[in-house]
Amino acid sequence: MLVGKLKNRTIIKRVVVFGLCVAFGWYLKGRLTPQIPMTGGMGAQTPYVIMQQVEQADITPRQTYIASVEPIKSVNLIPQVTGYIEKVLFQEGSYVREGDILFVIEQDRYIATVEQRQAELDSAKANLVRAERDYRRQKSLSRENISSKATMDTAESTYLQAKAAVKQAEANLDLAKIDLGYTEIKAPISGRIGKALVTEGNYVSSTLQTLARIVQTDPIRVAFSVTDKEMLSMRQTYGNNRQPISTELILPNGTVLNNKIRSQFADNEVNAETATIAVYLEYDNAKQYLIPGNYVNVRIGTGEPRVAILVPQAALAQDEHGNYVMVVVNNVAEQRRVVLGDMIGDKQVVLKGLNPEDKVIIQGLQKVQNGQSVKASLVDNKTEAE
């Protein structure tokens, strides 16, 4: 019995060892045998790419000039009557509208003057009524030869003097009302007002004393000078101010404005000392980026207007035949050979090879080939820039 048990144990050990060897052999086969990728049928995958609509931009040749920003209208507020400042009715640095009351000069004295002139006018009118009645009476008596000619002449003279006195009293009343109106200093234009140079309680007189200054900020004017030769070139290009000039404004912090010009004109003569002529451009300035007194750079088109296509640098690729991009048409990638121009910002100018409606691949370019089907998502230019 003991011999049988020993044989059974030996057989079990051999079976276990054989199983372990088989398992280890399969493990080594899996580790050492190269994996063969599956191709075709359900195993093939369509590459995913991101595309972007090409941009169009004005690449007209431009010349840069240093320009100053100036208000089209500016006003120094000067009092027309004397008195103490009673009220200051604006916030310094704020935008005021034409007709807004800004300062009030003491009004009691001017109101009293108006009432006095009104009383004088009433008195003059009463004298006129009496003189007119007397004149008509003497005129009637003179026809009947009852009144003498001297008396008639005196009555007529008194009547005419009374009429003149009424007109004088009316004029005095008008002047008093004008002075009373000047006690309220109103904004003659709409614009931004600066610091109040005179505050409440101060005495002002009708001199050249300035109370505050208002400058118009919208619209606003940009002024610069060009040589006589450059002016001739501009007039040849833009038809003697009849066509709008293509411009860009570069602010001191580098911001580029493409505001549309409202109007433009050049000075009427060349400065003989500098051989330059002043040019004035008027712009909308609703965002108040253009500040009067500031300096900006103005870029002006100096040739025929040109519009080109721009693409991101990520869309460009190169091989032994030259530069190309991949566009997506009906979910199929197509290779387009392109002719490149200059760089504008972070964009590349494409002179030939693309159409304005094309969409170029900007991510996943290395995964696709010409004529290959793709899965594409469109990203707009603003999102891509951010």
Protein backbone atom coordinates (compact mmCIF):
# COMPACT_ATOMS: atom_id res chain seq x y z
CA MET A 1 0.00 0.00 0.00
CA LEU A 2 2.83 2.40 0.84
CA VAL A 3 4.47 1.75 -2.53
CA GLY A 4 1.22 2.64 -4.36
CA LYS A 5 0.89 5.92 -2.51
CA LEU A 6 4.47 6.88 -3.39
CA LYS A 7 3.84 6.21 -7.09
CA ASN A 8 0.69 8.36 -7.06
CA ARG A 9 2.57 11.26 -5.44
CA THR A 10 5.32 11.03 -8.05
CA ILE A 11 2.80 11.10 -10.88
CA ILE A 12 1.06 14.20 -9.40
CA LYS A 13 4.36 16.03 -9.03
CA ARG A 14 5.27 15.29 -12.65
CA VAL A 15 1.88 16.53 -13.90
CA VAL A 16 2.23 19.77 -11.91
CA VAL A 17 5.75 20.36 -13.20
CA PHE A 18 4.61 19.67 -16.78
CA GLY A 19 1.73 22.17 -16.41
CA LEU A 20 4.03 24.84 -15.07
CA CYS A 21 6.43 24.32 -17.97
CA VAL A 22 3.63 24.63 -20.52
CA ALA A 23 2.32 27.82 -18.92
CA PHE A 24 5.80 29.36 -18.79
CA GLY A 25 6.33 28.45 -22.46
CA TRP A 26 3.14 30.24 -23.50
CA TYR A 27 4.19 33.28 -21.46
CA LEU A 28 7.58 33.45 -23.21
CA LYS A 29 5.89 33.06 -26.61
CA GLY A 30 3.59 35.99 -25.88
CA ARG A 31 6.49 38.17 -24.77
CA LEU A 32 8.87 37.30 -27.60
CA THR A 33 6.52 37.01 -30.59
CA PRO A 34 6.13 40.42 -32.45
CA GLN A 35 2.58 41.79 -32.62
CA ILE A 36 1.20 42.09 -36.14
CA PRO A 37 -1.18 45.08 -36.46
CA MET A 38 -4.56 44.42 -37.97
CA THR A 39 -5.29 46.29 -41.17
CA GLY A 40 -8.33 46.78 -43.28
CA GLY A 41 -11.94 46.19 -42.42
CA MET A 42 -13.10 47.24 -38.97
CA GLY A 43 -9.53 47.65 -37.72
CA ALA A 44 -8.73 50.79 -39.83
CA GLN A 45 -9.19 54.19 -38.06
CA THR A 46 -10.02 57.57 -39.70
CA PRO A 47 -7.64 60.29 -38.39
CA TYR A 48 -9.10 63.21 -36.43
CA VAL A 49 -7.94 66.72 -37.33
CA ILE A 50 -8.76 70.32 -36.44
CA MET A 51 -9.24 72.83 -39.25
CA GLN A 52 -9.64 76.59 -39.50
CA GLN A 53 -11.18 78.96 -42.04
CA VAL A 54 -8.54 81.01 -43.85
CA GLU A 55 -8.55 84.77 -43.24
CA GLN A 56 -8.51 87.65 -45.67
CA ALA A 57 -6.55 90.82 -44.89
CA ASP A 58 -5.61 94.10 -46.52
CA ILE A 59 -1.89 94.00 -47.38
CA THR A 60 -1.76 97.32 -49.19
CA PRO A 61 1.76 98.86 -48.96
CA ARG A 62 1.77 101.44 -46.16
CA GLN A 63 3.85 104.37 -44.95
CA THR A 64 4.01 105.24 -41.24
CA TYR A 65 3.82 108.82 -39.92
CA ILE A 66 3.93 110.30 -36.44
CA ALA A 67 0.63 112.09 -35.81
CA SER A 68 -0.88 114.17 -33.03
CA VAL A 69 -4.41 113.76 -31.73
CA GLU A 70 -6.37 117.00 -31.45
CA PRO A 71 -9.99 117.91 -30.75
CA ILE A 72 -12.06 119.26 -33.60
CA LYS A 73 -13.70 121.67 -31.16
CA SER A 74 -12.38 123.01 -27.86
CA VAL A 75 -13.71 125.75 -25.58
CA ASN A 76 -12.33 127.73 -22.65
CA LEU A 77 -15.19 128.74 -20.35
CA ILE A 78 -14.78 132.45 -19.54
CA PRO A 79 -17.28 134.44 -17.40
CA GLN A 80 -19.17 137.30 -19.07
CA VAL A 81 -20.35 138.88 -15.79
CA THR A 82 -18.76 139.54 -12.40
CA GLY A 83 -19.72 137.95 -9.11
CA TYR A 84 -19.09 135.07 -6.75
CA ILE A 85 -19.31 131.45 -7.92
CA GLU A 86 -22.40 129.99 -6.22
CA LYS A 87 -22.42 126.49 -7.70
CA VAL A 88 -20.18 124.10 -9.64
CA LEU A 89 -22.55 121.60 -11.26
CA PHE A 90 -20.27 119.11 -13.01
CA GLN A 91 -17.90 116.31 -12.10
CA GLU A 92 -14.36 117.03 -13.15
CA GLY A 93 -13.20 114.84 -16.02
CA SER A 94 -16.74 113.84 -16.98
CA TYR A 95 -18.52 114.03 -20.32
CA VAL A 96 -20.86 117.02 -20.60
CA ARG A 97 -23.48 117.74 -23.23
CA GLU A 98 -24.16 120.97 -25.03
CA GLY A 99 -26.50 123.12 -22.92
CA ASP A 100 -25.61 121.59 -19.54
CA ILE A 101 -25.30 124.20 -16.74
CA LEU A 102 -21.75 124.02 -15.38
CA PHE A 103 -21.28 127.12 -13.17
CA VAL A 104 -23.72 129.51 -11.47
CA ILE A 105 -22.57 133.05 -10.60
CA GLU A 106 -24.55 134.93 -7.90
CA GLN A 107 -27.88 135.78 -9.49
CA ASP A 108 -29.70 137.97 -6.93
CA ARG A 109 -28.07 141.20 -8.11
CA TYR A 110 -28.82 140.46 -11.75
CA ILE A 111 -32.41 139.45 -10.99
CA ALA A 112 -32.86 142.77 -9.18
CA THR A 113 -31.42 144.60 -12.19
CA VAL A 114 -33.89 142.86 -14.49
CA GLU A 115 -36.77 143.89 -12.22
CA GLN A 116 -35.47 147.48 -12.15
CA ARG A 117 -35.25 147.60 -15.95
CA GLN A 118 -38.74 146.14 -16.20
CA ALA A 119 -40.06 148.91 -13.96
CA GLU A 120 -38.30 151.54 -16.07
CA LEU A 121 -39.91 150.05 -19.17
CA ASP A 122 -43.36 150.16 -17.58
CA SER A 123 -42.81 153.81 -16.61
CA ALA A 124 -41.66 154.68 -20.11
CA LYS A 125 -44.72 153.01 -21.61
CA ALA A 126 -46.99 155.00 -19.26
CA ASN A 127 -45.27 158.26 -20.31
CA LEU A 128 -45.70 157.24 -23.92
CA VAL A 129 -49.45 156.76 -23.48
CA ARG A 130 -49.79 160.21 -21.89
CA ALA A 131 -47.59 161.87 -24.53
CA GLU A 132 -49.49 160.19 -27.33
CA ARG A 133 -52.85 161.36 -26.00
CA ASP A 134 -51.57 164.91 -25.62
CA TYR A 135 -50.11 164.87 -29.12
CA ARG A 136 -53.37 163.68 -30.66
CA ARG A 137 -55.31 166.32 -28.71
CA GLN A 138 -53.00 169.12 -29.86
CA LYS A 139 -53.11 167.78 -33.40
CA SER A 140 -56.93 167.97 -33.38
CA LEU A 141 -56.90 171.47 -31.90
CA SER A 142 -54.34 172.56 -34.47
CA ARG A 143 -56.65 171.55 -37.31
CA GLU A 144 -59.32 173.84 -35.82
CA ASN A 145 -56.75 176.62 -35.39
CA ILE A 146 -57.37 176.58 -31.66
CA SER A 147 -53.86 175.46 -30.66
CA SER A 148 -50.74 177.31 -31.69
CA LYS A 149 -48.07 175.69 -33.86
CA ALA A 150 -45.52 175.97 -31.04
CA THR A 151 -47.73 174.00 -28.71
CA MET A 152 -48.29 171.41 -31.44
CA ASP A 153 -44.54 171.06 -32.03
CA THR A 154 -43.88 170.64 -28.32
CA ALA A 155 -46.51 167.90 -28.03
CA GLU A 156 -45.10 166.07 -31.05
CA SER A 157 -41.55 166.28 -29.70
CA THR A 158 -42.66 164.97 -26.30
CA TYR A 159 -44.46 162.08 -28.00
CA LEU A 160 -41.41 161.10 -30.09
CA GLN A 161 -39.15 161.31 -27.03
CA ALA A 162 -41.54 159.05 -25.13
CA LYS A 163 -41.41 156.49 -27.96
CA ALA A 164 -37.62 156.58 -27.92
CA ALA A 165 -37.59 156.20 -24.14
CA VAL A 166 -39.68 153.04 -24.45
CA LYS A 167 -37.25 151.56 -26.96
CA GLN A 168 -34.31 152.45 -24.76
CA ALA A 169 -36.01 150.89 -21.72
CA GLU A 170 -36.71 147.73 -23.77
CA ALA A 171 -33.06 147.55 -24.80
CA ASN A 172 -31.92 148.04 -21.21
CA LEU A 173 -34.23 145.24 -20.11
CA ASP A 174 -32.85 142.95 -22.84
CA LEU A 175 -29.29 143.67 -21.71
CA ALA A 176 -30.21 142.98 -18.09
CA LYS A 177 -31.77 139.65 -19.14
CA ILE A 178 -28.66 138.78 -21.14
CA ASP A 179 -26.46 139.48 -18.11
CA LEU A 180 -28.78 137.36 -15.97
CA GLY A 181 -28.46 134.56 -18.52
CA TYR A 182 -24.67 134.81 -18.28
CA THR A 183 -24.88 133.96 -14.58
CA GLU A 184 -25.50 130.37 -15.72
CA ILE A 185 -22.45 129.21 -17.65
CA LYS A 186 -23.54 126.43 -20.00
CA ALA A 187 -21.56 123.99 -22.11
CA PRO A 188 -21.40 125.42 -25.64
CA ILE A 189 -20.31 122.03 -27.05
CA SER A 190 -20.50 118.39 -26.07
CA GLY A 191 -17.21 116.91 -24.88
CA ARG A 192 -15.04 116.02 -21.92
CA ILE A 193 -14.49 118.73 -19.32
CA GLY A 194 -11.30 119.03 -17.32
CA LYS A 195 -10.50 120.39 -13.89
CA ALA A 196 -12.55 123.24 -12.41
CA LEU A 197 -10.02 126.08 -12.29
CA VAL A 198 -12.31 128.17 -10.06
CA THR A 199 -14.37 126.68 -7.23
CA GLU A 200 -17.39 127.82 -5.23
CA GLY A 201 -17.03 131.09 -3.30
CA ASN A 202 -14.41 132.62 -5.55
CA TYR A 203 -14.99 136.01 -7.16
CA VAL A 204 -14.74 136.11 -10.95
CA SER A 205 -14.86 138.98 -13.40
CA SER A 206 -15.62 139.34 -17.08
CA THR A 207 -11.98 139.09 -18.17
CA LEU A 208 -9.88 136.36 -19.76
CA GLN A 209 -10.10 134.26 -16.58
CA THR A 210 -10.75 130.62 -17.54
CA LEU A 211 -13.13 128.58 -15.39
CA ALA A 212 -12.68 125.22 -17.15
CA ARG A 213 -11.95 123.74 -20.55
CA ILE A 214 -14.04 121.41 -22.72
CA VAL A 215 -12.62 119.38 -25.60
CA GLN A 216 -14.60 117.38 -28.12
CA THR A 217 -13.53 113.74 -28.08
CA ASP A 218 -15.97 112.06 -30.47
CA PRO A 219 -15.40 112.51 -33.33
CA ILE A 220 -11.75 113.44 -33.08
CA ARG A 221 -8.99 114.54 -35.44
CA VAL A 222 -5.51 113.15 -36.16
CA ALA A 223 -3.02 115.54 -37.76
CA PHE A 224 0.35 114.83 -39.38
CA SER A 225 2.58 116.23 -42.10
CA VAL A 226 3.76 114.72 -45.38
CA THR A 227 6.25 115.95 -47.93
CA ASP A 228 5.07 117.63 -51.10
CA LYS A 229 6.16 114.56 -53.08
CA GLU A 230 4.19 112.22 -50.80
CA MET A 231 1.13 114.44 -51.12
CA LEU A 232 1.30 114.21 -54.90
CA SER A 233 1.54 110.41 -54.66
CA MET A 234 -1.48 110.30 -52.32
CA ARG A 235 -3.54 112.43 -54.66
CA GLN A 236 -2.61 110.24 -57.58
CA THR A 237 -3.58 107.14 -55.58
CA TYR A 238 -6.73 108.43 -53.91
CA GLY A 239 -8.03 110.88 -56.48
CA ASN A 240 -7.40 114.25 -54.78
CA ASN A 241 -9.27 113.47 -51.52
CA ARG A 242 -12.31 112.02 -53.28
CA GLN A 243 -11.62 108.44 -52.20
CA PRO A 244 -11.25 107.37 -48.54
CA ILE A 245 -7.65 106.82 -47.45
CA SER A 246 -6.75 103.35 -46.16
CA THR A 247 -5.28 103.88 -42.68
CA GLU A 248 -4.37 102.16 -39.42
CA LEU A 249 -3.70 103.90 -36.12
CA ILE A 250 -1.12 102.47 -33.71
CA LEU A 251 -1.60 103.64 -30.13
CA PRO A 252 1.31 104.14 -27.70
CA ASN A 253 0.67 100.71 -26.13
CA GLY A 254 0.77 98.99 -29.54
CA THR A 255 -2.99 98.62 -30.03
CA VAL A 256 -3.95 98.87 -33.70
CA LEU A 257 -7.17 100.68 -34.60
CA ASN A 258 -8.88 100.31 -37.95
CA ASN A 259 -11.50 103.02 -37.40
CA LYS A 260 -13.20 104.22 -40.54
CA ILE A 261 -12.31 107.77 -41.57
CA ARG A 262 -15.27 110.14 -41.34
CA SER A 263 -13.63 112.91 -43.34
CA GLN A 264 -10.23 113.99 -44.55
CA PHE A 265 -8.58 117.09 -45.90
CA ALA A 266 -5.16 118.60 -46.47
CA ASP A 267 -4.03 122.13 -45.73
CA ASN A 268 -4.29 124.67 -48.53
CA GLU A 269 -0.58 125.35 -48.89
CA VAL A 270 2.84 123.81 -48.39
CA ASN A 271 4.96 125.04 -45.50
CA ALA A 272 7.86 126.76 -47.27
CA GLU A 273 10.25 126.17 -44.36
CA THR A 274 9.75 122.40 -44.08
CA ALA A 275 8.41 121.58 -47.58
CA THR A 276 5.56 119.65 -45.92
CA ILE A 277 1.82 119.96 -45.92
CA ALA A 278 -0.52 119.15 -43.02
CA VAL A 279 -3.09 116.36 -43.39
CA TYR A 280 -6.13 116.00 -41.12
CA LEU A 281 -8.14 112.82 -40.65
CA GLU A 282 -11.38 112.65 -38.65
CA TYR A 283 -12.29 109.43 -36.81
CA ASP A 284 -15.07 108.10 -34.62
CA ASN A 285 -13.84 107.73 -31.04
CA ALA A 286 -16.70 106.15 -29.11
CA LYS A 287 -14.30 104.05 -26.98
CA GLN A 288 -12.19 107.13 -26.14
CA TYR A 289 -8.94 105.42 -27.12
CA LEU A 290 -7.74 108.55 -28.92
CA ILE A 291 -6.88 111.21 -26.33
CA PRO A 292 -6.40 114.86 -27.35
CA GLY A 293 -2.77 115.90 -27.12
CA ASN A 294 -1.47 112.35 -27.48
CA TYR A 295 0.84 111.08 -30.23
CA VAL A 296 0.08 108.02 -32.36
CA ASN A 297 1.48 106.39 -35.46
CA VAL A 298 -0.70 106.42 -38.55
CA ARG A 299 -0.10 103.92 -41.35
CA ILE A 300 -1.40 105.01 -44.74
CA GLY A 301 -1.77 102.92 -47.86
CA THR A 302 0.64 104.08 -50.55
CA GLY A 303 -0.34 101.80 -53.41
CA GLU A 304 -3.21 99.99 -55.02
CA PRO A 305 -5.39 98.17 -52.44
CA ARG A 306 -4.44 94.49 -52.10
CA VAL A 307 -6.27 91.75 -50.22
CA ALA A 308 -4.49 88.48 -49.41
CA ILE A 309 -5.24 85.22 -47.65
CA LEU A 310 -3.67 84.52 -44.23
CA VAL A 311 -3.12 81.15 -42.56
CA PRO A 312 -1.61 80.16 -39.19
CA GLN A 313 1.96 78.89 -39.13
CA ALA A 314 0.65 75.54 -37.86
CA ALA A 315 -1.08 74.97 -41.22
CA LEU A 316 2.16 75.05 -43.22
CA ALA A 317 4.28 72.06 -44.20
CA GLN A 318 7.23 71.59 -46.53
CA ASP A 319 8.74 68.81 -48.61
CA GLU A 320 11.24 68.55 -51.41
CA HIS A 321 8.77 70.18 -53.81
CA GLY A 322 8.11 73.26 -51.66
CA ASN A 323 5.46 74.58 -49.29
CA TYR A 324 1.97 73.15 -48.98
CA VAL A 325 -1.09 73.03 -46.77
CA MET A 326 -3.81 70.46 -46.34
CA VAL A 327 -7.41 71.54 -46.84
CA VAL A 328 -10.54 69.57 -46.04
CA VAL A 329 -13.17 69.20 -48.75
CA ASN A 330 -16.17 66.95 -48.00
CA ASN A 331 -14.23 65.26 -45.18
CA VAL A 332 -11.31 64.44 -47.49
CA ALA A 333 -7.83 65.93 -47.07
CA GLU A 334 -6.39 67.62 -50.15
CA GLN A 335 -2.85 68.87 -50.59
CA ARG A 336 -2.48 72.43 -51.94
CA ARG A 337 0.83 73.89 -53.07
CA VAL A 338 1.13 77.51 -51.96
CA VAL A 339 3.23 80.57 -52.70
CA LEU A 340 4.04 82.49 -49.52
CA GLY A 341 4.41 86.21 -48.90
CA ASP A 342 5.34 88.19 -45.80
CA MET A 343 4.37 87.57 -42.20
CA ILE A 344 1.64 89.73 -40.66
CA GLY A 345 1.68 89.26 -36.89
CA ASP A 346 1.60 85.50 -36.32
CA LYS A 347 -0.06 84.81 -39.67
CA GLN A 348 1.50 83.88 -43.01
CA VAL A 349 0.42 85.61 -46.21
CA VAL A 350 -0.49 83.14 -48.99
CA LEU A 351 -0.19 84.76 -52.41
CA LYS A 352 -1.32 81.75 -54.48
CA GLY A 353 -2.83 78.33 -53.93
CA LEU A 354 -5.83 78.98 -51.66
CA ASN A 355 -9.35 80.33 -52.01
CA PRO A 356 -11.18 82.49 -49.43
CA GLU A 357 -13.61 79.65 -48.66
CA ASP A 358 -10.91 77.03 -47.94
CA LYS A 359 -10.45 75.42 -44.53
CA VAL A 360 -6.90 74.36 -43.65
CA ILE A 361 -5.78 71.70 -41.17
CA ILE A 362 -3.93 73.23 -38.20
CA GLN A 363 -3.73 70.17 -35.91
CA GLY A 364 -3.17 66.56 -36.98
CA LEU A 365 -1.40 67.54 -40.21
CA GLN A 366 1.24 64.82 -39.80
CA LYS A 367 -1.41 62.09 -39.60
CA VAL A 368 -3.04 62.61 -42.99
CA GLN A 369 -2.13 62.06 -46.60
CA ASN A 370 -3.50 63.52 -49.81
CA GLY A 371 -6.92 62.05 -50.62
CA GLN A 372 -7.40 60.45 -47.19
CA SER A 373 -10.73 60.62 -45.39
CA VAL A 374 -10.64 62.52 -42.11
CA LYS A 375 -12.84 63.47 -39.20
CA ALA A 376 -12.55 67.26 -38.84
CA SER A 377 -13.67 69.88 -36.34
CA LEU A 378 -13.77 73.57 -37.24
CA VAL A 379 -12.35 76.16 -34.83
CA ASP A 380 -12.97 79.86 -35.44
CA ASN A 381 -10.17 82.41 -35.64
CA LYS A 382 -10.98 84.14 -32.35
CA THR A 383 -10.99 80.89 -30.40
CA GLU A 384 -7.74 79.83 -32.00
CA ALA A 385 -6.15 83.17 -31.15
CA GLU A 386 -7.20 82.94 -27.53
